[in-house]
Amino acid sequence: MIKLVIFDLDGTLLDVSERYYRSVKNALKKFGFNCSSKPEIMKLKRQNLSGSEIISTLIPADTEDREKIIKKIDKERYRLLHSIEYLDLDKPVEDTCKTLETLKQKGVKMAILTLRDYKEATMQQLENAGLTKFFEKIVLIEPRSGRNHSELKFDYAKNICRELKVKTDECCMVGDSLNEVEAGSKMNAFTVGVTCGLTGENALVQKCNKVISSLQEILDII
């Protein structure tokens, strides 16, 4: 029986597709290159290409110092993606509050575990979206700590289970990336991948116990 659900934030509870697209588009623009449309960029992302790989598809092969340019653009993309001013581009995934309210009524404990800078701004973002009230724990991890992200999430998820007095095999990890899936599998939790985020279904279906296309579908599992 699932007693605790640990959610990722970006791409799971919040739609970050506009933030991701703008970060790619404006990084390219800064260096004088054009960007494809948002649907095309998101299609590449959901094929599990990295930021630098996506940028590489948009830089002509005959560009002088091409590899150096790609690295510079990707560094700027990363900076923009994680900048405080771009957070306003996020919005709750459809039916997020309704789904969380139903889980709360069922007596399920909930937590957020996310790789995020700017704790104060993130907490304000969650409050503005009406999400804070649903969670017993909200844990933000510094994304540039140097450690493997799935290992980080594994360690923090175990701590959340311990603090909320829930066994790891009574926990469900929900996210749009393989970080949550790998962390959850390692601690024998039930893993759910959501395809409305930034990772493609093909990658998730190979690793998850369950893959869903909308957050509301989790109510059929718990």
N, C-alpha and C. Protein backbone atom coordinates (compact mmCIF):
# COMPACT_ATOMS: atom_id res chain seq x y z
N MET A 1 0.84 -1.20 0.00
CA MET A 1 0.00 0.00 0.00
C MET A 1 0.88 1.25 0.00
N ILE A 2 0.59 2.18 -0.89
CA ILE A 2 1.35 3.42 -0.98
C ILE A 2 0.89 4.40 0.10
N LYS A 3 1.82 4.81 0.95
CA LYS A 3 1.50 5.76 2.02
C LYS A 3 2.12 7.14 1.78
N LEU A 4 3.10 7.19 0.88
CA LEU A 4 3.81 8.44 0.62
C LEU A 4 4.11 8.55 -0.86
N VAL A 5 3.84 9.73 -1.43
CA VAL A 5 4.23 10.02 -2.81
C VAL A 5 5.24 11.17 -2.80
N ILE A 6 6.39 10.92 -3.41
CA ILE A 6 7.42 11.95 -3.54
C ILE A 6 7.43 12.41 -5.00
N PHE A 7 7.08 13.67 -5.19
CA PHE A 7 6.99 14.23 -6.54
C PHE A 7 8.25 15.01 -6.89
N ASP A 8 8.67 14.89 -8.13
CA ASP A 8 9.57 15.87 -8.72
C ASP A 8 8.74 17.13 -8.97
N LEU A 9 9.40 18.25 -9.21
CA LEU A 9 8.67 19.50 -9.44
C LEU A 9 8.62 19.88 -10.92
N ASP A 10 9.78 20.14 -11.50
CA ASP A 10 9.83 20.62 -12.88
C ASP A 10 9.45 19.51 -13.86
N GLY A 11 8.42 19.78 -14.66
CA GLY A 11 7.97 18.81 -15.64
C GLY A 11 6.99 17.79 -15.09
N THR A 12 6.77 17.83 -13.77
CA THR A 12 5.86 16.89 -13.13
C THR A 12 4.66 17.62 -12.55
N LEU A 13 4.92 18.55 -11.64
CA LEU A 13 3.87 19.39 -11.07
C LEU A 13 3.78 20.73 -11.81
N LEU A 14 4.91 21.17 -12.32
CA LEU A 14 4.95 22.44 -13.07
C LEU A 14 5.34 22.18 -14.52
N ASP A 15 4.63 22.82 -15.42
CA ASP A 15 4.96 22.79 -16.84
C ASP A 15 6.10 23.77 -17.07
N VAL A 16 7.28 23.26 -17.40
CA VAL A 16 8.46 24.11 -17.58
C VAL A 16 8.87 24.21 -19.05
N SER A 17 8.00 23.77 -19.95
CA SER A 17 8.36 23.73 -21.36
C SER A 17 8.67 25.11 -21.93
N GLU A 18 7.92 26.13 -21.51
CA GLU A 18 8.17 27.48 -22.01
C GLU A 18 9.52 28.00 -21.50
N ARG A 19 9.82 27.71 -20.24
CA ARG A 19 11.12 28.13 -19.69
C ARG A 19 12.27 27.44 -20.43
N TYR A 20 12.10 26.16 -20.70
CA TYR A 20 13.16 25.44 -21.41
C TYR A 20 13.33 26.00 -22.83
N TYR A 21 12.22 26.21 -23.53
CA TYR A 21 12.30 26.72 -24.89
C TYR A 21 12.92 28.11 -24.94
N ARG A 22 12.48 28.99 -24.04
CA ARG A 22 13.01 30.36 -24.04
C ARG A 22 14.52 30.37 -23.74
N SER A 23 14.95 29.47 -22.87
CA SER A 23 16.38 29.42 -22.53
C SER A 23 17.22 29.03 -23.74
N VAL A 24 16.72 28.08 -24.54
CA VAL A 24 17.42 27.67 -25.76
C VAL A 24 17.37 28.80 -26.78
N LYS A 25 16.19 29.34 -27.01
CA LYS A 25 15.99 30.38 -28.02
C LYS A 25 16.84 31.62 -27.73
N ASN A 26 16.81 32.10 -26.49
CA ASN A 26 17.51 33.35 -26.17
C ASN A 26 19.02 33.16 -26.05
N ALA A 27 19.45 31.95 -25.70
CA ALA A 27 20.89 31.68 -25.70
C ALA A 27 21.43 31.69 -27.13
N LEU A 28 20.69 31.07 -28.04
CA LEU A 28 21.09 31.09 -29.44
C LEU A 28 21.09 32.51 -30.00
N LYS A 29 20.06 33.26 -29.65
CA LYS A 29 19.92 34.64 -30.14
C LYS A 29 21.10 35.50 -29.70
N LYS A 30 21.56 35.30 -28.48
CA LYS A 30 22.67 36.09 -27.94
C LYS A 30 23.92 35.93 -28.79
N PHE A 31 24.10 34.76 -29.38
CA PHE A 31 25.28 34.49 -30.19
C PHE A 31 25.01 34.58 -31.69
N GLY A 32 23.81 35.12 -32.04
CA GLY A 32 23.53 35.39 -33.44
C GLY A 32 22.96 34.24 -34.24
N PHE A 33 22.38 33.25 -33.56
CA PHE A 33 21.81 32.10 -34.26
C PHE A 33 20.29 32.05 -34.06
N ASN A 34 19.60 31.49 -35.03
CA ASN A 34 18.15 31.34 -34.96
C ASN A 34 17.77 30.02 -34.30
N CYS A 35 16.56 29.99 -33.77
CA CYS A 35 16.06 28.81 -33.08
C CYS A 35 14.86 28.23 -33.83
N SER A 36 14.68 26.92 -33.74
CA SER A 36 13.49 26.29 -34.29
C SER A 36 12.28 26.63 -33.44
N SER A 37 11.11 26.17 -33.86
CA SER A 37 9.87 26.42 -33.12
C SER A 37 9.86 25.65 -31.80
N LYS A 38 8.99 26.06 -30.90
CA LYS A 38 8.89 25.36 -29.61
C LYS A 38 8.55 23.88 -29.78
N PRO A 39 7.55 23.51 -30.62
CA PRO A 39 7.27 22.07 -30.78
C PRO A 39 8.48 21.27 -31.27
N GLU A 40 9.28 21.86 -32.14
CA GLU A 40 10.45 21.16 -32.65
C GLU A 40 11.52 20.99 -31.58
N ILE A 41 11.72 22.02 -30.76
CA ILE A 41 12.70 21.94 -29.67
C ILE A 41 12.26 20.92 -28.63
N MET A 42 10.98 20.92 -28.28
CA MET A 42 10.49 19.99 -27.28
C MET A 42 10.52 18.55 -27.81
N LYS A 43 10.32 18.38 -29.11
CA LYS A 43 10.43 17.04 -29.69
C LYS A 43 11.85 16.51 -29.55
N LEU A 44 12.84 17.36 -29.79
CA LEU A 44 14.23 16.96 -29.62
C LEU A 44 14.52 16.63 -28.17
N LYS A 45 14.03 17.47 -27.26
CA LYS A 45 14.26 17.24 -25.84
C LYS A 45 13.68 15.91 -25.40
N ARG A 46 12.49 15.58 -25.89
CA ARG A 46 11.83 14.33 -25.49
C ARG A 46 12.41 13.11 -26.20
N GLN A 47 13.36 13.36 -27.09
CA GLN A 47 14.17 12.26 -27.63
C GLN A 47 15.40 12.04 -26.76
N ASN A 48 15.39 12.75 -25.61
CA ASN A 48 16.43 12.63 -24.59
C ASN A 48 17.79 13.16 -25.05
N LEU A 49 17.75 14.19 -25.90
CA LEU A 49 18.98 14.89 -26.26
C LEU A 49 19.32 15.88 -25.16
N SER A 50 20.59 16.05 -24.90
CA SER A 50 21.03 17.05 -23.93
C SER A 50 20.89 18.44 -24.53
N GLY A 51 21.05 19.47 -23.69
CA GLY A 51 20.97 20.83 -24.19
C GLY A 51 22.00 21.11 -25.27
N SER A 52 23.23 20.65 -25.05
CA SER A 52 24.28 20.89 -26.04
C SER A 52 24.01 20.13 -27.34
N GLU A 53 23.41 18.95 -27.24
CA GLU A 53 23.08 18.18 -28.44
C GLU A 53 21.98 18.87 -29.24
N ILE A 54 21.00 19.45 -28.53
CA ILE A 54 19.95 20.19 -29.22
C ILE A 54 20.53 21.41 -29.93
N ILE A 55 21.38 22.14 -29.23
CA ILE A 55 22.01 23.32 -29.82
C ILE A 55 22.86 22.94 -31.02
N SER A 56 23.52 21.80 -30.94
CA SER A 56 24.38 21.33 -32.02
C SER A 56 23.60 21.13 -33.33
N THR A 57 22.34 20.74 -33.20
CA THR A 57 21.52 20.54 -34.41
C THR A 57 21.18 21.85 -35.10
N LEU A 58 21.37 22.96 -34.39
CA LEU A 58 20.97 24.27 -34.91
C LEU A 58 22.14 25.14 -35.35
N ILE A 59 23.35 24.65 -35.14
CA ILE A 59 24.55 25.41 -35.52
C ILE A 59 25.11 24.83 -36.81
N PRO A 60 25.23 25.64 -37.87
CA PRO A 60 25.74 25.14 -39.15
C PRO A 60 27.10 24.45 -39.01
N ALA A 61 27.29 23.41 -39.81
CA ALA A 61 28.52 22.61 -39.72
C ALA A 61 29.77 23.42 -40.04
N ASP A 62 29.63 24.47 -40.86
CA ASP A 62 30.81 25.24 -41.27
C ASP A 62 31.08 26.44 -40.34
N THR A 63 30.40 26.50 -39.20
CA THR A 63 30.62 27.60 -38.26
C THR A 63 32.04 27.55 -37.69
N GLU A 64 32.72 28.69 -37.71
CA GLU A 64 34.09 28.76 -37.17
C GLU A 64 34.08 28.49 -35.66
N ASP A 65 35.03 27.68 -35.20
CA ASP A 65 35.12 27.30 -33.78
C ASP A 65 33.79 26.76 -33.27
N ARG A 66 33.20 25.89 -34.06
CA ARG A 66 31.84 25.40 -33.80
C ARG A 66 31.69 24.79 -32.40
N GLU A 67 32.59 23.93 -32.01
CA GLU A 67 32.46 23.25 -30.71
C GLU A 67 32.56 24.23 -29.55
N LYS A 68 33.42 25.22 -29.67
CA LYS A 68 33.55 26.24 -28.63
C LYS A 68 32.27 27.07 -28.53
N ILE A 69 31.72 27.41 -29.70
CA ILE A 69 30.47 28.19 -29.74
C ILE A 69 29.34 27.41 -29.09
N ILE A 70 29.24 26.13 -29.41
CA ILE A 70 28.18 25.29 -28.83
C ILE A 70 28.29 25.26 -27.31
N LYS A 71 29.49 25.13 -26.79
CA LYS A 71 29.71 25.11 -25.33
C LYS A 71 29.29 26.43 -24.70
N LYS A 72 29.62 27.53 -25.35
CA LYS A 72 29.27 28.86 -24.82
C LYS A 72 27.76 29.05 -24.83
N ILE A 73 27.11 28.65 -25.90
CA ILE A 73 25.65 28.79 -25.99
C ILE A 73 24.97 27.91 -24.95
N ASP A 74 25.47 26.70 -24.77
CA ASP A 74 24.86 25.79 -23.80
C ASP A 74 25.04 26.30 -22.38
N LYS A 75 26.17 26.91 -22.10
CA LYS A 75 26.40 27.50 -20.78
C LYS A 75 25.39 28.62 -20.52
N GLU A 76 25.14 29.44 -21.54
CA GLU A 76 24.17 30.52 -21.41
C GLU A 76 22.75 29.96 -21.28
N ARG A 77 22.45 28.90 -22.04
CA ARG A 77 21.15 28.23 -21.92
C ARG A 77 20.91 27.74 -20.50
N TYR A 78 21.92 27.12 -19.92
CA TYR A 78 21.80 26.60 -18.55
C TYR A 78 21.58 27.74 -17.56
N ARG A 79 22.32 28.83 -17.75
CA ARG A 79 22.18 29.98 -16.86
C ARG A 79 20.76 30.54 -16.91
N LEU A 80 20.24 30.70 -18.12
CA LEU A 80 18.89 31.24 -18.27
C LEU A 80 17.85 30.28 -17.69
N LEU A 81 18.00 29.00 -17.98
CA LEU A 81 17.04 28.00 -17.51
C LEU A 81 16.90 28.02 -15.99
N HIS A 82 18.00 28.25 -15.30
CA HIS A 82 18.00 28.21 -13.84
C HIS A 82 17.99 29.60 -13.21
N SER A 83 17.72 30.62 -14.02
CA SER A 83 17.71 31.98 -13.49
C SER A 83 16.37 32.30 -12.83
N ILE A 84 16.41 33.15 -11.84
CA ILE A 84 15.22 33.47 -11.06
C ILE A 84 14.16 34.17 -11.91
N GLU A 85 14.60 34.97 -12.89
CA GLU A 85 13.64 35.72 -13.70
C GLU A 85 12.84 34.83 -14.66
N TYR A 86 13.35 33.65 -14.96
CA TYR A 86 12.65 32.75 -15.86
C TYR A 86 11.61 31.88 -15.15
N LEU A 87 11.60 31.88 -13.82
CA LEU A 87 10.66 31.04 -13.08
C LEU A 87 9.20 31.43 -13.35
N ASP A 88 8.99 32.69 -13.67
CA ASP A 88 7.62 33.15 -13.93
C ASP A 88 7.01 32.51 -15.18
N LEU A 89 7.82 31.85 -15.99
CA LEU A 89 7.32 31.20 -17.19
C LEU A 89 6.66 29.86 -16.88
N ASP A 90 6.91 29.33 -15.69
CA ASP A 90 6.32 28.04 -15.29
C ASP A 90 4.85 28.20 -14.93
N LYS A 91 4.11 27.11 -15.09
CA LYS A 91 2.71 27.10 -14.67
C LYS A 91 2.35 25.68 -14.23
N PRO A 92 1.38 25.54 -13.33
CA PRO A 92 1.02 24.19 -12.89
C PRO A 92 0.54 23.31 -14.04
N VAL A 93 0.93 22.06 -14.01
CA VAL A 93 0.42 21.08 -14.97
C VAL A 93 -1.10 20.97 -14.77
N GLU A 94 -1.82 20.71 -15.84
CA GLU A 94 -3.28 20.62 -15.78
C GLU A 94 -3.75 19.64 -14.70
N ASP A 95 -4.73 20.06 -13.93
CA ASP A 95 -5.37 19.24 -12.88
C ASP A 95 -4.44 18.90 -11.71
N THR A 96 -3.34 19.64 -11.56
CA THR A 96 -2.41 19.36 -10.46
C THR A 96 -3.08 19.51 -9.11
N CYS A 97 -3.70 20.66 -8.86
CA CYS A 97 -4.31 20.91 -7.54
C CYS A 97 -5.43 19.92 -7.25
N LYS A 98 -6.24 19.63 -8.25
CA LYS A 98 -7.34 18.68 -8.08
C LYS A 98 -6.81 17.30 -7.73
N THR A 99 -5.75 16.88 -8.38
CA THR A 99 -5.15 15.57 -8.11
C THR A 99 -4.55 15.51 -6.72
N LEU A 100 -3.82 16.54 -6.34
CA LEU A 100 -3.21 16.57 -5.02
C LEU A 100 -4.26 16.62 -3.91
N GLU A 101 -5.33 17.34 -4.15
CA GLU A 101 -6.42 17.42 -3.17
C GLU A 101 -7.04 16.03 -2.96
N THR A 102 -7.22 15.29 -4.03
CA THR A 102 -7.79 13.95 -3.92
C THR A 102 -6.86 13.02 -3.14
N LEU A 103 -5.58 13.10 -3.42
CA LEU A 103 -4.61 12.28 -2.68
C LEU A 103 -4.60 12.65 -1.20
N LYS A 104 -4.70 13.93 -0.92
CA LYS A 104 -4.74 14.40 0.47
C LYS A 104 -5.96 13.83 1.19
N GLN A 105 -7.09 13.84 0.51
CA GLN A 105 -8.32 13.31 1.10
C GLN A 105 -8.23 11.80 1.36
N LYS A 106 -7.40 11.12 0.58
CA LYS A 106 -7.19 9.68 0.77
C LYS A 106 -6.23 9.38 1.93
N GLY A 107 -5.65 10.43 2.50
CA GLY A 107 -4.72 10.24 3.60
C GLY A 107 -3.30 9.93 3.19
N VAL A 108 -2.99 10.16 1.91
CA VAL A 108 -1.64 9.90 1.41
C VAL A 108 -0.73 11.08 1.76
N LYS A 109 0.44 10.78 2.34
CA LYS A 109 1.43 11.82 2.60
C LYS A 109 2.12 12.19 1.30
N MET A 110 2.53 13.45 1.19
CA MET A 110 3.17 13.90 -0.05
C MET A 110 4.36 14.80 0.24
N ALA A 111 5.35 14.70 -0.64
CA ALA A 111 6.55 15.52 -0.53
C ALA A 111 7.00 15.92 -1.93
N ILE A 112 7.75 17.01 -2.00
CA ILE A 112 8.41 17.44 -3.23
C ILE A 112 9.91 17.29 -3.03
N LEU A 113 10.57 16.69 -4.00
CA LEU A 113 12.03 16.57 -3.99
C LEU A 113 12.52 17.02 -5.36
N THR A 114 13.23 18.14 -5.39
CA THR A 114 13.57 18.73 -6.68
C THR A 114 14.96 19.33 -6.68
N LEU A 115 15.56 19.35 -7.85
CA LEU A 115 16.86 20.01 -8.05
C LEU A 115 16.58 21.45 -8.45
N ARG A 116 16.80 22.36 -7.54
CA ARG A 116 16.45 23.76 -7.78
C ARG A 116 17.38 24.71 -7.03
N ASP A 117 17.74 25.80 -7.69
CA ASP A 117 18.35 26.94 -7.01
C ASP A 117 17.23 27.81 -6.45
N TYR A 118 17.60 28.87 -5.73
CA TYR A 118 16.67 29.91 -5.31
C TYR A 118 15.51 29.37 -4.47
N LYS A 119 15.84 28.93 -3.28
CA LYS A 119 14.83 28.34 -2.41
C LYS A 119 13.67 29.30 -2.13
N GLU A 120 13.98 30.53 -1.78
CA GLU A 120 12.93 31.49 -1.43
C GLU A 120 11.99 31.74 -2.61
N ALA A 121 12.57 31.92 -3.79
CA ALA A 121 11.76 32.17 -4.99
C ALA A 121 10.92 30.95 -5.34
N THR A 122 11.48 29.76 -5.17
CA THR A 122 10.73 28.54 -5.46
C THR A 122 9.57 28.36 -4.50
N MET A 123 9.81 28.63 -3.22
CA MET A 123 8.73 28.50 -2.24
C MET A 123 7.61 29.50 -2.54
N GLN A 124 7.98 30.70 -2.97
CA GLN A 124 6.98 31.70 -3.33
C GLN A 124 6.21 31.26 -4.58
N GLN A 125 6.92 30.66 -5.53
CA GLN A 125 6.29 30.14 -6.74
C GLN A 125 5.26 29.06 -6.40
N LEU A 126 5.62 28.16 -5.49
CA LEU A 126 4.70 27.10 -5.07
C LEU A 126 3.49 27.68 -4.34
N GLU A 127 3.74 28.68 -3.52
CA GLU A 127 2.65 29.33 -2.78
C GLU A 127 1.70 30.02 -3.75
N ASN A 128 2.25 30.73 -4.71
CA ASN A 128 1.42 31.43 -5.71
C ASN A 128 0.58 30.46 -6.54
N ALA A 129 1.13 29.25 -6.75
CA ALA A 129 0.42 28.25 -7.53
C ALA A 129 -0.59 27.46 -6.69
N GLY A 130 -0.62 27.74 -5.39
CA GLY A 130 -1.55 27.06 -4.50
C GLY A 130 -1.16 25.63 -4.18
N LEU A 131 0.15 25.31 -4.25
CA LEU A 131 0.61 23.93 -4.07
C LEU A 131 1.17 23.63 -2.68
N THR A 132 1.67 24.64 -2.00
CA THR A 132 2.39 24.42 -0.73
C THR A 132 1.57 23.64 0.29
N LYS A 133 0.31 23.91 0.38
CA LYS A 133 -0.55 23.34 1.43
C LYS A 133 -0.70 21.83 1.36
N PHE A 134 -0.35 21.23 0.24
CA PHE A 134 -0.56 19.79 0.08
C PHE A 134 0.59 18.94 0.63
N PHE A 135 1.73 19.55 0.93
CA PHE A 135 2.94 18.78 1.16
C PHE A 135 3.46 18.83 2.60
N GLU A 136 3.83 17.64 3.09
CA GLU A 136 4.46 17.54 4.42
C GLU A 136 5.92 17.97 4.36
N LYS A 137 6.57 17.73 3.23
CA LYS A 137 7.98 18.09 3.08
C LYS A 137 8.21 18.66 1.68
N ILE A 138 9.01 19.72 1.61
CA ILE A 138 9.46 20.27 0.34
C ILE A 138 10.97 20.41 0.44
N VAL A 139 11.69 19.64 -0.37
CA VAL A 139 13.15 19.58 -0.28
C VAL A 139 13.76 20.03 -1.60
N LEU A 140 14.60 21.04 -1.53
CA LEU A 140 15.31 21.54 -2.71
C LEU A 140 16.78 21.15 -2.62
N ILE A 141 17.31 20.61 -3.72
CA ILE A 141 18.70 20.19 -3.78
C ILE A 141 19.45 21.10 -4.75
N GLU A 142 20.62 21.54 -4.36
CA GLU A 142 21.47 22.34 -5.23
C GLU A 142 21.87 21.52 -6.46
N PRO A 143 21.45 21.94 -7.67
CA PRO A 143 21.69 21.12 -8.87
C PRO A 143 23.15 21.03 -9.30
N ARG A 144 23.97 21.97 -8.84
CA ARG A 144 25.37 21.97 -9.27
C ARG A 144 26.31 21.52 -8.15
N SER A 145 25.86 20.52 -7.39
CA SER A 145 26.64 20.02 -6.27
C SER A 145 27.82 19.17 -6.72
N GLY A 146 27.79 18.71 -7.97
CA GLY A 146 28.87 17.86 -8.47
C GLY A 146 28.58 16.38 -8.35
N ARG A 147 27.54 16.02 -7.60
CA ARG A 147 27.17 14.61 -7.44
C ARG A 147 26.15 14.18 -8.49
N ASN A 148 26.12 12.88 -8.77
CA ASN A 148 25.13 12.32 -9.67
C ASN A 148 23.72 12.63 -9.14
N HIS A 149 22.85 13.11 -10.02
CA HIS A 149 21.54 13.58 -9.57
C HIS A 149 20.66 12.45 -9.05
N SER A 150 20.72 11.28 -9.66
CA SER A 150 19.90 10.16 -9.17
C SER A 150 20.38 9.69 -7.79
N GLU A 151 21.69 9.74 -7.56
CA GLU A 151 22.22 9.38 -6.24
C GLU A 151 21.79 10.38 -5.18
N LEU A 152 21.81 11.65 -5.56
CA LEU A 152 21.34 12.69 -4.65
C LEU A 152 19.89 12.46 -4.27
N LYS A 153 19.06 12.21 -5.26
CA LYS A 153 17.63 12.00 -5.00
C LYS A 153 17.40 10.73 -4.17
N PHE A 154 18.20 9.72 -4.38
CA PHE A 154 18.12 8.50 -3.59
C PHE A 154 18.36 8.80 -2.11
N ASP A 155 19.43 9.53 -1.82
CA ASP A 155 19.78 9.85 -0.43
C ASP A 155 18.69 10.71 0.23
N TYR A 156 18.24 11.74 -0.47
CA TYR A 156 17.23 12.63 0.10
C TYR A 156 15.87 11.95 0.22
N ALA A 157 15.53 11.11 -0.73
CA ALA A 157 14.24 10.40 -0.67
C ALA A 157 14.21 9.45 0.53
N LYS A 158 15.31 8.78 0.78
CA LYS A 158 15.38 7.91 1.97
C LYS A 158 15.19 8.71 3.24
N ASN A 159 15.78 9.89 3.29
CA ASN A 159 15.63 10.75 4.47
C ASN A 159 14.18 11.20 4.64
N ILE A 160 13.53 11.52 3.55
CA ILE A 160 12.12 11.93 3.62
C ILE A 160 11.28 10.78 4.18
N CYS A 161 11.51 9.58 3.69
CA CYS A 161 10.77 8.41 4.19
C CYS A 161 11.00 8.23 5.69
N ARG A 162 12.24 8.39 6.10
CA ARG A 162 12.59 8.22 7.51
C ARG A 162 11.88 9.28 8.37
N GLU A 163 11.92 10.52 7.92
CA GLU A 163 11.32 11.62 8.70
C GLU A 163 9.80 11.49 8.77
N LEU A 164 9.19 10.97 7.71
CA LEU A 164 7.73 10.84 7.69
C LEU A 164 7.27 9.45 8.16
N LYS A 165 8.26 8.66 8.62
CA LYS A 165 7.97 7.33 9.21
C LYS A 165 7.21 6.42 8.23
N VAL A 166 7.74 6.37 7.02
CA VAL A 166 7.18 5.52 5.97
C VAL A 166 8.29 4.63 5.44
N LYS A 167 8.02 3.35 5.26
CA LYS A 167 8.99 2.44 4.69
C LYS A 167 9.20 2.77 3.21
N THR A 168 10.40 2.53 2.72
CA THR A 168 10.69 2.89 1.33
C THR A 168 9.83 2.12 0.33
N ASP A 169 9.44 0.88 0.69
CA ASP A 169 8.59 0.12 -0.24
C ASP A 169 7.11 0.50 -0.13
N GLU A 170 6.82 1.48 0.73
CA GLU A 170 5.47 2.06 0.81
C GLU A 170 5.43 3.44 0.16
N CYS A 171 6.52 3.74 -0.54
CA CYS A 171 6.67 5.06 -1.18
C CYS A 171 6.52 4.93 -2.69
N CYS A 172 6.02 6.00 -3.31
CA CYS A 172 5.92 6.09 -4.76
C CYS A 172 6.70 7.33 -5.20
N MET A 173 7.62 7.15 -6.14
CA MET A 173 8.39 8.26 -6.70
C MET A 173 7.81 8.62 -8.05
N VAL A 174 7.47 9.90 -8.24
CA VAL A 174 6.83 10.35 -9.48
C VAL A 174 7.67 11.46 -10.09
N GLY A 175 8.03 11.30 -11.37
CA GLY A 175 8.82 12.33 -12.01
C GLY A 175 8.85 12.19 -13.52
N ASP A 176 9.44 13.18 -14.17
CA ASP A 176 9.51 13.16 -15.63
C ASP A 176 10.91 12.84 -16.13
N SER A 177 11.82 12.49 -15.22
CA SER A 177 13.18 12.16 -15.64
C SER A 177 13.62 10.83 -15.05
N LEU A 178 14.72 10.32 -15.55
CA LEU A 178 15.23 9.04 -15.05
C LEU A 178 15.86 9.18 -13.67
N ASN A 179 16.12 10.41 -13.22
CA ASN A 179 16.68 10.60 -11.88
C ASN A 179 15.76 10.04 -10.81
N GLU A 180 14.47 10.38 -10.90
CA GLU A 180 13.50 9.88 -9.92
C GLU A 180 13.31 8.37 -10.03
N VAL A 181 13.29 7.90 -11.26
CA VAL A 181 13.07 6.47 -11.51
C VAL A 181 14.21 5.65 -10.92
N GLU A 182 15.43 6.06 -11.21
CA GLU A 182 16.60 5.32 -10.71
C GLU A 182 16.69 5.38 -9.20
N ALA A 183 16.40 6.56 -8.64
CA ALA A 183 16.43 6.70 -7.18
C ALA A 183 15.36 5.83 -6.54
N GLY A 184 14.15 5.87 -7.09
CA GLY A 184 13.05 5.08 -6.54
C GLY A 184 13.30 3.58 -6.64
N SER A 185 13.80 3.15 -7.78
CA SER A 185 14.07 1.73 -7.97
C SER A 185 15.11 1.24 -6.98
N LYS A 186 16.11 2.07 -6.74
CA LYS A 186 17.20 1.69 -5.84
C LYS A 186 16.71 1.47 -4.42
N MET A 187 15.66 2.20 -4.02
CA MET A 187 15.15 2.03 -2.65
C MET A 187 13.87 1.21 -2.60
N ASN A 188 13.60 0.51 -3.73
CA ASN A 188 12.45 -0.41 -3.81
C ASN A 188 11.11 0.29 -3.69
N ALA A 189 11.05 1.53 -4.16
CA ALA A 189 9.79 2.28 -4.22
C ALA A 189 9.09 1.98 -5.55
N PHE A 190 7.80 2.27 -5.61
CA PHE A 190 7.05 2.17 -6.86
C PHE A 190 7.36 3.42 -7.67
N THR A 191 7.73 3.25 -8.93
CA THR A 191 8.16 4.39 -9.74
C THR A 191 7.16 4.69 -10.84
N VAL A 192 6.84 5.97 -10.99
CA VAL A 192 5.90 6.43 -12.01
C VAL A 192 6.56 7.53 -12.84
N GLY A 193 6.59 7.33 -14.14
CA GLY A 193 7.12 8.34 -15.04
C GLY A 193 6.00 9.09 -15.73
N VAL A 194 6.13 10.41 -15.81
CA VAL A 194 5.11 11.22 -16.48
C VAL A 194 5.67 11.75 -17.80
N THR A 195 4.90 11.58 -18.87
CA THR A 195 5.38 11.96 -20.20
C THR A 195 5.03 13.39 -20.57
N CYS A 196 4.40 14.14 -19.65
CA CYS A 196 4.05 15.53 -19.94
C CYS A 196 5.23 16.47 -19.65
N GLY A 197 6.37 15.91 -19.23
CA GLY A 197 7.53 16.72 -18.89
C GLY A 197 8.55 16.79 -20.02
N LEU A 198 9.83 16.62 -19.65
CA LEU A 198 10.92 16.83 -20.60
C LEU A 198 11.59 15.54 -21.08
N THR A 199 11.10 14.39 -20.62
CA THR A 199 11.70 13.11 -21.02
C THR A 199 10.71 12.32 -21.86
N GLY A 200 11.20 11.69 -22.90
CA GLY A 200 10.34 10.93 -23.80
C GLY A 200 9.84 9.63 -23.19
N GLU A 201 8.72 9.18 -23.71
CA GLU A 201 8.08 7.96 -23.18
C GLU A 201 8.97 6.73 -23.34
N ASN A 202 9.70 6.64 -24.44
CA ASN A 202 10.51 5.45 -24.70
C ASN A 202 11.54 5.21 -23.61
N ALA A 203 12.15 6.28 -23.12
CA ALA A 203 13.15 6.14 -22.06
C ALA A 203 12.49 5.75 -20.74
N LEU A 204 11.33 6.34 -20.45
CA LEU A 204 10.66 6.09 -19.18
C LEU A 204 10.09 4.68 -19.10
N VAL A 205 9.49 4.21 -20.19
CA VAL A 205 8.78 2.93 -20.15
C VAL A 205 9.72 1.77 -19.87
N GLN A 206 11.00 1.93 -20.20
CA GLN A 206 11.97 0.87 -19.97
C GLN A 206 12.37 0.76 -18.50
N LYS A 207 12.14 1.82 -17.73
CA LYS A 207 12.66 1.87 -16.36
C LYS A 207 11.58 1.92 -15.29
N CYS A 208 10.39 2.44 -15.63
CA CYS A 208 9.36 2.70 -14.62
C CYS A 208 8.45 1.50 -14.38
N ASN A 209 7.86 1.46 -13.18
CA ASN A 209 6.79 0.51 -12.94
C ASN A 209 5.53 0.89 -13.71
N LYS A 210 5.35 2.21 -13.90
CA LYS A 210 4.16 2.70 -14.60
C LYS A 210 4.48 4.01 -15.28
N VAL A 211 3.97 4.19 -16.49
CA VAL A 211 4.13 5.46 -17.21
C VAL A 211 2.75 6.06 -17.44
N ILE A 212 2.60 7.35 -17.13
CA ILE A 212 1.32 8.03 -17.30
C ILE A 212 1.52 9.28 -18.16
N SER A 213 0.48 9.66 -18.86
CA SER A 213 0.57 10.83 -19.73
C SER A 213 0.02 12.09 -19.08
N SER A 214 -0.76 11.93 -17.99
CA SER A 214 -1.27 13.08 -17.25
C SER A 214 -1.18 12.78 -15.76
N LEU A 215 -0.98 13.80 -14.97
CA LEU A 215 -0.79 13.62 -13.53
C LEU A 215 -2.02 12.98 -12.89
N GLN A 216 -3.19 13.28 -13.42
CA GLN A 216 -4.43 12.76 -12.84
C GLN A 216 -4.49 11.23 -12.85
N GLU A 217 -3.76 10.63 -13.78
CA GLU A 217 -3.76 9.17 -13.88
C GLU A 217 -3.17 8.48 -12.66
N ILE A 218 -2.45 9.23 -11.85
CA ILE A 218 -1.87 8.63 -10.65
C ILE A 218 -2.94 8.18 -9.67
N LEU A 219 -4.12 8.76 -9.78
CA LEU A 219 -5.22 8.37 -8.90
C LEU A 219 -5.70 6.95 -9.17
N ASP A 220 -5.40 6.43 -10.37
CA ASP A 220 -5.75 5.04 -10.70
C ASP A 220 -4.76 4.06 -10.09
N ILE A 221 -3.63 4.59 -9.62
CA ILE A 221 -2.56 3.74 -9.06
C ILE A 221 -2.63 3.73 -7.54
N ILE A 222 -2.97 4.85 -6.96
CA ILE A 222 -2.92 5.00 -5.50
C ILE A 222 -4.34 5.09 -4.93
